[in-house]
């Protein structure tokens, strides 16, 4: 079966979060299962530089009137060899900042055009006018940036069109633009209604994907239920409730070809997941040395690899910092986000340099080192569609401390007496997203940490977890077959 993925980021070409990991790993798993999968991605400068085996693939013209021709470039993803098509349009994608924002953290003013072209191209490759001989049986769109693709197919009345699937990775990001964007993107005004593209007097890319796709999926079963009501639906709960029969939650997977301490190129001391004690101790010492933390093997090392915003519960972390530090903990933070939270973490680190280290931005090598050296992973997210970081932490024997929501609830089993006795506990979880509950749960984890035997039992349960992409790939293949016949 031929499947076209449309995504705004794909690891290892460009990454800001879990969307990139999914868009890189799921196609590889589908190909391994015998499917013919191609990935469509904007040709950001960094992505163009990293992609391998680049070849011209055809012209797209200037469909949105940006004043420059857009071209397709055929390439492959480094490492996996997954086929990828990059939209080469330097006027839209050759920027100094990230894929969505400039170097100062502001959204690009022409994001509607930048991701309108991604959506237009995804739809165009499904028509007879495509410059390619390859045509998909299924168009699989990911998040708001590709949400207009099913709308274009509807607007063009494509008769022999592929089945369409739209995956919600995080419904909080919706791609809303002024009404005049409708005509600017070449869409008919009769689609700009409450039953179509319109959302509170804006054009919503996300709503377009929700309304015009044949099937909707999201990245965990619990999140699929949560987003059908407020506040998790972020205003789209009515649309989602009306399409409940077409909405399914498929749990994301972990790419163990990338996240595996036995052959992780980024960590200084490799170790087998089943024999983690000495390897984790050596990596913990290395991380402490690299980040300037006190060289203390008995100090609990808490790690964070996350966007720094309130949705991820990072304000809760700052609230409990005094208690964490009083308990003798160390904290290593890797992430970027709200400037106030960045400043808050950096201020704490400046006063407590032997206990707190903060790295603003994203570093793939450091993320791996924190997974290998950390004792606990903090994920107090208020909302978490799936979460991949806790899945990576499992494999490295780093125990998650999480809020019970979305995919965190689907993957982390709280450490209770029964959980310890049955060897099913894989973390520490709290129900209510407030600082008191979070602090109490960290203290529970610290109490277990100081009792080596129970702590090792939980770690052993963690490293035995199997969240490989194979199971999710099988479920997607079943969905594709049901839709495409």
Foldseek 3Di string as FASTA:
>chain_A
DEEEEQDAAAPPQADDDDSNVQLHALLLLLVVVPYHYEYEYEPAVSSVVQFAPKDWQAWPQCQLPPPDTWTWIWTAHPPRRHIYIYTDDCVQHHAPQHSAAHPVRHGDPVLLVNLLVSQCLLLCLQAPNDSDPDHGQEYEYEALSNLCNLVVCVQVVGPPGHAYEYEYAALLDWAWAAPVSCVSSPHDPVQCDPLHQDDPRTGTSRRSNLRRHPAYEYAAQQLLVVLLDPPRVVRCNVSSVVCVVRYGYFHAFGDCVAQAQQDHPLAPARDHLQPQDVQLLVLQQVLLVVQVADNDSLAAEEEEEDACDVQQPLVLCLVCVVVSVVVRHAYEYEYYYDPVSVVSLVVVCVVVVNRYGYDYDDDPSVLSSCLQHHQEYEGAGPEGQADDSLLSSLQNLHAYEYECYHNCVVPADADDPVCLVVLQHQHHYFHDSHNVRSNVRVVVVVVQSVVPPSSVSNSSSSSPDGRHSNVSSVVVVVVSVVRSD
